[in-house]
Amino acid sequence: MQIGFYVLDPKKANQLILGPFHGKVACETISFSRGVCGAAASSGETQLVHDVEAFPGHIACDAASLSEIVVPSKIPR
């Protein structure tokens, strides 16, 4: 199991950067247009993905990850 946080990149709009994290190496940056984290950040809605292989644009940072849940914060931009 992995758990971590991505935060808004203060230097680049519409991008997340890796924050506190526990698990195997993860992506250091994620665009709002990519992956489950990007979908949550751009929509502002929780993403519950049972099968990451079926998610369009999934980023395979760790092949052992089969599902994801991403809960965006409600921080003003």
C-alpha atoms as a PDB file:
ATOM      1  CA  MET A   1       0.000   0.000   0.000  1.00  0.00           C
ATOM      2  CA  GLN A   2       1.137   3.503  -0.799  1.00  0.00           C
ATOM      3  CA  ILE A   3      -0.137   6.742   0.591  1.00  0.00           C
ATOM      4  CA  GLY A   4       0.955  10.217  -0.219  1.00  0.00           C
ATOM      5  CA  PHE A   5       0.125  13.779  -0.914  1.00  0.00           C
ATOM      6  CA  TYR A   6       0.505  15.920  -3.993  1.00  0.00           C
ATOM      7  CA  VAL A   7       0.297  19.691  -3.667  1.00  0.00           C
ATOM      8  CA  LEU A   8      -0.186  22.496  -6.161  1.00  0.00           C
ATOM      9  CA  ASP A   9       3.087  23.496  -7.793  1.00  0.00           C
ATOM     10  CA  PRO A  10       3.674  27.169  -6.891  1.00  0.00           C
ATOM     11  CA  LYS A  11       5.865  27.622  -9.985  1.00  0.00           C
ATOM     12  CA  LYS A  12       3.637  26.052 -12.634  1.00  0.00           C
ATOM     13  CA  ALA A  13      -0.129  26.344 -13.016  1.00  0.00           C
ATOM     14  CA  ASN A  14      -2.149  23.157 -13.418  1.00  0.00           C
ATOM     15  CA  GLN A  15       0.553  20.892 -12.041  1.00  0.00           C
ATOM     16  CA  LEU A  16       0.953  18.927  -8.834  1.00  0.00           C
ATOM     17  CA  ILE A  17       4.253  18.162  -7.103  1.00  0.00           C
ATOM     18  CA  LEU A  18       4.996  15.295  -4.750  1.00  0.00           C
ATOM     19  CA  GLY A  19       4.630  16.061  -1.058  1.00  0.00           C
ATOM     20  CA  PRO A  20       4.867  13.688   1.926  1.00  0.00           C
ATOM     21  CA  PHE A  21       4.798  10.104   0.662  1.00  0.00           C
ATOM     22  CA  HIS A  22       5.138   6.533   1.935  1.00  0.00           C
ATOM     23  CA  GLY A  23       5.759   3.696  -0.490  1.00  0.00           C
ATOM     24  CA  LYS A  24       7.734   2.984  -3.635  1.00  0.00           C
ATOM     25  CA  VAL A  25       9.056   5.800  -5.777  1.00  0.00           C
ATOM     26  CA  ALA A  26       6.238   7.920  -7.179  1.00  0.00           C
ATOM     27  CA  CYS A  27       5.953  10.502  -9.932  1.00  0.00           C
ATOM     28  CA  GLU A  28       7.461  13.807  -8.822  1.00  0.00           C
ATOM     29  CA  THR A  29       5.103  15.950 -10.906  1.00  0.00           C
ATOM     30  CA  ILE A  30       1.645  15.319 -12.350  1.00  0.00           C
ATOM     31  CA  SER A  31      -0.171  17.545 -14.812  1.00  0.00           C
ATOM     32  CA  PHE A  32      -3.871  18.195 -14.229  1.00  0.00           C
ATOM     33  CA  SER A  33      -4.453  16.501 -17.609  1.00  0.00           C
ATOM     34  CA  ARG A  34      -2.908  13.142 -16.595  1.00  0.00           C
ATOM     35  CA  GLY A  35      -3.720  10.293 -14.269  1.00  0.00           C
ATOM     36  CA  VAL A  36      -6.115   9.833 -11.398  1.00  0.00           C
ATOM     37  CA  CYS A  37      -4.497  12.595  -9.335  1.00  0.00           C
ATOM     38  CA  GLY A  38      -4.722  15.003 -12.265  1.00  0.00           C
ATOM     39  CA  ALA A  39      -8.402  14.123 -12.766  1.00  0.00           C
ATOM     40  CA  ALA A  40      -9.128  14.820  -9.098  1.00  0.00           C
ATOM     41  CA  ALA A  41      -7.218  18.109  -9.163  1.00  0.00           C
ATOM     42  CA  SER A  42      -8.872  19.383 -12.337  1.00  0.00           C
ATOM     43  CA  SER A  43     -12.426  18.304 -11.437  1.00  0.00           C
ATOM     44  CA  GLY A  44     -12.295  18.951  -7.692  1.00  0.00           C
ATOM     45  CA  GLU A  45     -14.062  15.609  -7.218  1.00  0.00           C
ATOM     46  CA  THR A  46     -12.966  12.421  -5.447  1.00  0.00           C
ATOM     47  CA  GLN A  47     -11.774   9.730  -7.847  1.00  0.00           C
ATOM     48  CA  LEU A  48     -12.388   6.100  -6.847  1.00  0.00           C
ATOM     49  CA  VAL A  49     -10.801   3.796  -9.422  1.00  0.00           C
ATOM     50  CA  HIS A  50     -11.154   0.054  -8.866  1.00  0.00           C
ATOM     51  CA  ASP A  51      -9.037  -0.916 -11.923  1.00  0.00           C
ATOM     52  CA  VAL A  52      -6.316   1.574 -12.848  1.00  0.00           C
ATOM     53  CA  GLU A  53      -5.639  -0.250 -16.129  1.00  0.00           C
ATOM     54  CA  ALA A  54      -9.132   0.764 -17.279  1.00  0.00           C
ATOM     55  CA  PHE A  55      -8.650   4.452 -16.352  1.00  0.00           C
ATOM     56  CA  PRO A  56      -7.859   6.628 -19.405  1.00  0.00           C
ATOM     57  CA  GLY A  57      -4.488   8.322 -18.963  1.00  0.00           C
ATOM     58  CA  HIS A  58      -3.470   6.322 -15.892  1.00  0.00           C
ATOM     59  CA  ILE A  59       0.155   6.911 -14.901  1.00  0.00           C
ATOM     60  CA  ALA A  60       1.870   3.650 -13.980  1.00  0.00           C
ATOM     61  CA  CYS A  61       4.324   4.869 -11.342  1.00  0.00           C
ATOM     62  CA  ASP A  62       4.157   1.503  -9.553  1.00  0.00           C
ATOM     63  CA  ALA A  63       2.949  -1.627 -11.380  1.00  0.00           C
ATOM     64  CA  ALA A  64       1.837  -3.107  -8.044  1.00  0.00           C
ATOM     65  CA  SER A  65      -0.869  -0.449  -7.678  1.00  0.00           C
ATOM     66  CA  LEU A  66      -4.132  -1.898  -8.953  1.00  0.00           C
ATOM     67  CA  SER A  67      -6.596   0.686  -7.641  1.00  0.00           C
ATOM     68  CA  GLU A  68      -6.535   4.285  -6.433  1.00  0.00           C
ATOM     69  CA  ILE A  69      -8.591   6.699  -4.424  1.00  0.00           C
ATOM     70  CA  VAL A  70      -7.758  10.380  -4.675  1.00  0.00           C
ATOM     71  CA  VAL A  71      -9.485  12.991  -2.541  1.00  0.00           C
ATOM     72  CA  PRO A  72      -8.772  16.595  -3.578  1.00  0.00           C
ATOM     73  CA  SER A  73      -8.583  19.321  -0.982  1.00  0.00           C
ATOM     74  CA  LYS A  74     -10.780  22.373  -1.216  1.00  0.00           C
ATOM     75  CA  ILE A  75      -7.972  24.926  -1.127  1.00  0.00           C
ATOM     76  CA  PRO A  76      -8.631  28.200  -2.963  1.00  0.00           C
ATOM     77  CA  ARG A  77      -6.353  28.749  -5.963  1.00  0.00           C
END
